[in-house]
């Protein structure tokens, strides 16, 4: 009887461990999904701009052309610790120059490293999961043309228990979904706006409140959120709270000037810097999306 109880307990424990390993495993992008994609660097430049890659990954004090040197080092505080942007320049050792396209896609769309570890969702792959495979390939091709930099990436400053990366696998099961928030984007303009807002521009990462586990609360999509720095609040973009016209929104994304004659500040300044480089039709599409929110 006792021996049977022991065997049963051991078996149950083994099953629990196996289930935990299964549920927390990293799931990279299948290489077959990228078959035939070689990437176009010219198209990838606009993807890079819309996605704001340089805004997070350039060195903290970089200006002008130096922002294209993706040496990393910027610090992003959160309730879970401080995350430090890594070097994603095409340097073979310090950056991502030694990666393959499928490894890059797995990082961007699934938050999985080439070694099979989970990246923390401070990297907005919960938004980039919506990216088209062609855009990922084009982005990869463009990033290979940027200057390599040998600056080593710094470790994140994250304490226990959040330093257990395996647990991010459970987080992904709760929050990593490729379903759109706006399911009824019926016109090409709204579809483009949705793609820019929900995927490339990852607007929800800042403008949507978080759950206790740090996932975006999609039920309160773009309704505003506390600033992770602890200073102030990131505003709601809901039409009921945000009464700018579509023309006002598009103009703001181009110039940084509000209808009240105020000017953009904080991290939003980098967003405007990026969107100002995109076609006017993209800024109009974002405005149309925002005006169509429930």
Protein backbone atom coordinates (compact mmCIF):
# COMPACT_ATOMS: atom_id res chain seq x y z
CA UNK A 1 0.00 0.00 0.00
CA UNK A 2 2.72 2.45 1.03
CA UNK A 3 4.87 1.53 -1.98
CA UNK A 4 1.92 2.06 -4.29
CA UNK A 5 1.25 5.45 -2.73
CA UNK A 6 4.88 6.45 -3.23
CA UNK A 7 4.84 5.30 -6.85
CA UNK A 8 1.60 7.17 -7.43
CA UNK A 9 2.99 10.35 -5.91
CA UNK A 10 6.16 10.13 -7.98
CA UNK A 11 4.14 9.49 -11.14
CA UNK A 12 1.88 12.46 -10.41
CA UNK A 13 4.89 14.67 -9.78
CA UNK A 14 6.49 13.56 -13.05
CA UNK A 15 3.28 14.29 -14.94
CA UNK A 16 3.06 17.73 -13.32
CA UNK A 17 6.64 18.52 -14.32
CA UNK A 18 6.03 17.28 -17.85
CA UNK A 19 2.87 19.37 -18.11
CA UNK A 20 4.71 22.43 -16.81
CA UNK A 21 7.52 21.97 -19.32
CA UNK A 22 5.00 21.57 -22.13
CA UNK A 23 2.97 24.62 -21.17
CA UNK A 24 6.03 26.85 -20.74
CA UNK A 25 7.94 25.69 -23.82
CA UNK A 26 9.12 28.19 -26.40
CA UNK A 27 7.42 27.84 -29.79
CA UNK A 28 9.45 29.43 -32.63
CA UNK A 29 8.14 30.32 -36.06
CA UNK A 30 8.12 27.35 -38.42
CA UNK A 31 10.77 27.74 -41.10
CA UNK A 32 8.29 26.62 -43.75
CA UNK A 33 6.30 29.81 -43.14
CA UNK A 34 9.21 31.79 -44.55
CA UNK A 35 9.91 29.64 -47.60
CA UNK A 36 10.52 31.75 -50.67
CA UNK A 37 10.88 35.02 -48.75
CA UNK A 38 14.17 36.78 -49.40
CA UNK A 39 13.26 40.26 -48.17
CA UNK A 40 13.46 43.65 -49.82
CA UNK A 41 15.58 46.18 -47.91
CA UNK A 42 13.91 49.17 -49.58
CA UNK A 43 10.47 48.07 -48.37
CA UNK A 44 11.97 47.03 -45.06
CA UNK A 45 13.04 50.60 -44.31
CA UNK A 46 9.41 51.74 -44.01
CA UNK A 47 8.60 48.72 -41.83
CA UNK A 48 11.57 49.60 -39.64
CA UNK A 49 10.34 53.19 -39.33
CA UNK A 50 6.71 52.31 -38.59
CA UNK A 51 7.75 49.69 -36.04
CA UNK A 52 9.95 52.17 -34.18
CA UNK A 53 12.93 49.82 -33.98
CA UNK A 54 15.52 52.58 -33.70
CA UNK A 55 13.48 54.45 -31.09
CA UNK A 56 14.15 51.73 -28.53
CA UNK A 57 17.42 50.24 -29.74
CA UNK A 58 19.65 53.22 -30.51
CA UNK A 59 22.13 54.27 -27.82
CA UNK A 60 20.65 56.50 -25.09
CA UNK A 61 22.18 59.76 -26.31
CA UNK A 62 22.20 59.10 -30.05
CA UNK A 63 21.10 61.85 -32.43
CA UNK A 64 20.62 62.06 -36.18
CA UNK A 65 22.19 59.28 -38.24
CA UNK A 66 23.61 57.75 -35.04
CA UNK A 67 20.09 56.53 -34.28
CA UNK A 68 20.58 53.92 -37.00
CA UNK A 69 23.35 52.32 -34.93
CA UNK A 70 21.27 49.88 -32.90
CA UNK A 71 23.73 49.46 -30.05
CA UNK A 72 21.04 49.28 -27.35
CA UNK A 73 21.37 50.47 -23.81
CA UNK A 74 18.16 52.44 -23.25
CA UNK A 75 16.45 51.65 -19.95
CA UNK A 76 12.74 50.94 -19.61
CA UNK A 77 11.41 50.78 -16.04
CA UNK A 78 8.32 48.73 -15.20
CA UNK A 79 6.55 47.17 -12.25
CA UNK A 80 8.58 44.02 -12.85
CA UNK A 81 12.04 45.57 -13.04
CA UNK A 82 14.07 47.61 -15.50
CA UNK A 83 14.53 46.25 -18.99
CA UNK A 84 17.52 47.35 -21.05
CA UNK A 85 17.28 47.32 -24.82
CA UNK A 86 19.85 44.95 -26.34
CA UNK A 87 22.19 45.44 -29.25
CA UNK A 88 20.31 44.45 -32.42
CA UNK A 89 22.84 45.80 -34.91
CA UNK A 90 24.12 43.37 -37.58
CA UNK A 91 27.31 42.76 -35.60
CA UNK A 92 28.06 39.03 -35.78
CA UNK A 93 28.90 38.59 -32.09
CA UNK A 94 27.42 41.51 -30.14
CA UNK A 95 24.29 41.91 -32.25
CA UNK A 96 22.06 39.77 -34.44
CA UNK A 97 24.21 39.57 -37.56
CA UNK A 98 24.74 35.85 -37.06
CA UNK A 99 21.02 35.03 -36.96
CA UNK A 100 18.96 33.47 -39.71
CA UNK A 101 15.70 34.91 -41.01
CA UNK A 102 13.70 32.26 -39.16
CA UNK A 103 15.50 33.06 -35.90
CA UNK A 104 14.74 36.74 -36.43
CA UNK A 105 11.07 36.01 -37.17
CA UNK A 106 10.84 33.83 -34.05
CA UNK A 107 12.19 36.69 -31.94
CA UNK A 108 9.97 39.36 -33.48
CA UNK A 109 6.71 37.43 -33.77
CA UNK A 110 6.99 34.89 -30.95
CA UNK A 111 9.50 36.30 -28.47
CA UNK A 112 11.82 33.29 -28.81
CA UNK A 113 15.61 33.60 -28.86
CA UNK A 114 17.86 31.61 -31.23
CA UNK A 115 18.76 29.47 -28.21
CA UNK A 116 15.12 28.67 -27.52
CA UNK A 117 14.63 30.95 -24.50
CA UNK A 118 11.74 33.33 -23.97
CA UNK A 119 12.24 37.05 -24.39
CA UNK A 120 10.48 39.28 -21.90
CA UNK A 121 7.38 40.99 -23.31
CA UNK A 122 8.99 44.40 -22.80
CA UNK A 123 9.93 43.54 -26.39
CA UNK A 124 6.51 44.16 -27.98
CA UNK A 125 6.14 40.83 -29.76
CA UNK A 126 2.59 40.66 -28.40
CA UNK A 127 1.92 43.33 -31.04
CA UNK A 128 4.44 42.21 -33.66
CA UNK A 129 2.78 38.76 -33.71
CA UNK A 130 0.35 40.41 -36.16
CA UNK A 131 3.12 41.32 -38.62
CA UNK A 132 2.93 39.87 -42.11
CA UNK A 133 5.72 37.39 -42.86
CA UNK A 134 6.72 39.47 -45.88
CA UNK A 135 7.19 42.52 -43.69
CA UNK A 136 9.35 40.52 -41.28
CA UNK A 137 11.56 39.38 -44.15
CA UNK A 138 11.80 42.92 -45.53
CA UNK A 139 12.64 44.27 -42.09
CA UNK A 140 15.38 41.66 -41.71
CA UNK A 141 16.84 42.58 -45.09
CA UNK A 142 16.92 46.28 -44.19
CA UNK A 143 18.46 45.74 -40.76
CA UNK A 144 21.35 43.90 -42.38
CA UNK A 145 22.27 47.14 -44.15
CA UNK A 146 22.69 49.12 -40.92
CA UNK A 147 26.05 49.76 -39.22
CA UNK A 148 27.32 46.93 -36.99
CA UNK A 149 28.31 47.86 -33.45
CA UNK A 150 30.34 45.85 -30.94
CA UNK A 151 28.73 47.23 -27.76
CA UNK A 152 27.76 44.28 -25.53
CA UNK A 153 24.12 44.03 -24.48
CA UNK A 154 23.45 44.60 -20.80
CA UNK A 155 21.50 42.24 -18.56
CA UNK A 156 17.99 43.25 -17.52
CA UNK A 157 17.59 44.33 -13.91
CA UNK A 158 14.78 41.96 -12.97
CA UNK A 159 14.53 40.23 -9.60
CA UNK A 160 12.91 37.02 -8.42
CA UNK A 161 10.48 35.59 -9.44
CA UNK A 162 10.34 37.60 -12.68
CA UNK A 163 13.85 36.53 -13.61
CA UNK A 164 12.55 32.99 -14.27
CA UNK A 165 12.22 33.24 -18.02
CA UNK A 166 10.55 29.86 -18.35
CA UNK A 167 7.48 31.36 -16.69
CA UNK A 168 7.10 33.71 -19.64
CA UNK A 169 5.78 30.68 -21.51
CA UNK A 170 2.69 30.74 -19.32
CA UNK A 171 2.37 34.49 -19.87
CA UNK A 172 2.35 33.88 -23.60
CA UNK A 173 -0.44 31.33 -23.28
CA UNK A 174 -2.53 34.02 -21.61
CA UNK A 175 -1.65 37.06 -23.71
CA UNK A 176 0.09 36.17 -26.97
CA UNK A 177 -2.67 36.02 -29.57
CA UNK A 178 -2.75 36.76 -33.27
CA UNK A 179 -6.40 37.82 -33.15
CA UNK A 180 -7.14 41.45 -33.99
CA UNK A 181 -8.81 43.72 -31.45
CA UNK A 182 -10.78 45.51 -34.16
CA UNK A 183 -12.42 42.57 -35.90
CA UNK A 184 -14.67 44.59 -38.20
CA UNK A 185 -12.16 46.70 -40.13
CA UNK A 186 -14.05 46.55 -43.42
CA UNK A 187 -12.36 49.18 -45.58
CA UNK A 188 -8.77 49.10 -46.87
CA UNK A 189 -8.04 52.31 -44.92
CA UNK A 190 -9.26 50.80 -41.64
CA UNK A 191 -7.35 47.60 -42.32
CA UNK A 192 -4.17 49.59 -42.89
CA UNK A 193 -4.85 51.65 -39.78
CA UNK A 194 -5.41 48.50 -37.75
CA UNK A 195 -2.14 47.05 -38.99
CA UNK A 196 -0.24 50.20 -38.09
CA UNK A 197 -1.87 50.63 -34.67
CA UNK A 198 -2.20 47.04 -33.48
CA UNK A 199 0.93 45.58 -35.12
CA UNK A 200 3.75 47.79 -36.42
CA UNK A 201 3.16 50.89 -34.31
CA UNK A 202 2.32 48.74 -31.23
CA UNK A 203 0.25 51.62 -29.83
CA UNK A 204 -1.56 49.37 -27.38
CA UNK A 205 1.68 48.62 -25.54
CA UNK A 206 1.57 52.10 -23.99
CA UNK A 207 -2.03 53.25 -24.36
CA UNK A 208 -3.74 50.10 -23.01
CA UNK A 209 -3.86 49.29 -19.28
CA UNK A 210 -2.14 46.15 -18.04
CA UNK A 211 -3.42 43.28 -15.98
CA UNK A 212 -1.72 42.23 -12.74
CA UNK A 213 0.48 39.90 -14.80
CA UNK A 214 1.52 42.62 -17.23
CA UNK A 215 -0.58 41.64 -20.22
CA UNK A 216 -2.51 44.19 -22.24
CA UNK A 217 -6.13 44.32 -21.09
CA UNK A 218 -7.73 44.05 -24.51
CA UNK A 219 -11.18 44.69 -23.00
CA UNK A 220 -9.92 48.22 -22.22
CA UNK A 221 -8.06 48.67 -25.50
CA UNK A 222 -6.39 52.08 -25.90
CA UNK A 223 -8.26 53.50 -22.90
CA UNK A 224 -5.12 54.95 -21.30
CA UNK A 225 -2.67 53.60 -18.75
CA UNK A 226 -0.29 54.64 -15.98
CA UNK A 227 3.10 55.76 -17.25
CA UNK A 228 5.64 53.00 -16.40
CA UNK A 229 8.06 55.71 -15.23
CA UNK A 230 5.57 56.60 -12.50
CA UNK A 231 5.14 60.12 -13.87
CA UNK A 232 1.65 60.93 -15.07
CA UNK A 233 -0.65 58.88 -17.24
CA UNK A 234 -0.64 57.89 -20.89
CA UNK A 235 -3.91 59.22 -22.36
CA UNK A 236 -6.89 57.33 -23.68
CA UNK A 237 -7.37 57.27 -27.44
CA UNK A 238 -11.06 56.37 -27.22
CA UNK A 239 -13.22 58.84 -29.17
CA UNK A 240 -15.32 59.45 -26.06
CA UNK A 241 -12.21 60.62 -24.20
CA UNK A 242 -10.25 62.00 -27.11
CA UNK A 243 -12.25 64.44 -29.20
CA UNK A 244 -9.72 65.37 -31.86
CA UNK A 245 -10.84 65.18 -35.47
CA UNK A 246 -9.24 62.74 -37.89
CA UNK A 247 -7.40 65.69 -39.47
CA UNK A 248 -6.10 66.72 -36.02
CA UNK A 249 -4.75 63.22 -35.37
CA UNK A 250 -3.04 62.98 -38.76
CA UNK A 251 -1.52 66.46 -38.34
CA UNK A 252 -0.23 65.56 -34.86
CA UNK A 253 1.44 62.42 -36.20
CA UNK A 254 3.14 64.53 -38.85
CA UNK A 255 4.16 67.61 -36.85
CA UNK A 256 3.83 66.83 -33.15
CA UNK A 257 1.47 69.78 -32.62
CA UNK A 258 -1.88 69.32 -30.89
CA UNK A 259 -5.09 71.25 -31.67
CA UNK A 260 -4.45 73.16 -28.40
CA UNK A 261 -1.08 74.37 -29.78
CA UNK A 262 0.88 72.14 -27.41
CA UNK A 263 3.79 70.03 -28.67
CA UNK A 264 4.62 66.36 -28.32
CA UNK A 265 6.90 65.17 -25.52
CA UNK A 266 8.32 62.06 -23.91
CA UNK A 267 8.47 58.79 -25.84
CA UNK A 268 5.66 60.02 -28.09
CA UNK A 269 8.16 62.39 -29.69
CA UNK A 270 9.93 59.38 -31.19
CA UNK A 271 6.61 58.02 -32.46
CA UNK A 272 5.89 61.30 -34.24
CA UNK A 273 9.43 61.39 -35.62
CA UNK A 274 8.79 57.97 -37.16
CA UNK A 275 5.25 58.58 -38.43
CA UNK A 276 6.29 61.86 -40.02
CA UNK A 277 8.46 59.80 -42.38
CA UNK A 278 5.56 57.60 -43.49
CA UNK A 279 3.14 58.43 -46.33
CA UNK A 280 0.27 60.77 -45.49
CA UNK A 281 -2.10 57.90 -46.28
CA UNK A 282 -0.66 55.95 -43.33
CA UNK A 283 -1.24 58.81 -40.91
CA UNK A 284 -4.78 59.15 -42.22
CA UNK A 285 -5.32 55.41 -41.79
CA UNK A 286 -4.27 55.61 -38.14
CA UNK A 287 -6.61 58.54 -37.62
CA UNK A 288 -9.47 56.61 -39.23
CA UNK A 289 -8.79 53.63 -36.97
CA UNK A 290 -8.82 55.75 -33.83
CA UNK A 291 -12.04 57.51 -34.81
CA UNK A 292 -13.65 54.09 -35.44
CA UNK A 293 -12.90 52.73 -31.97
CA UNK A 294 -15.87 51.78 -29.78
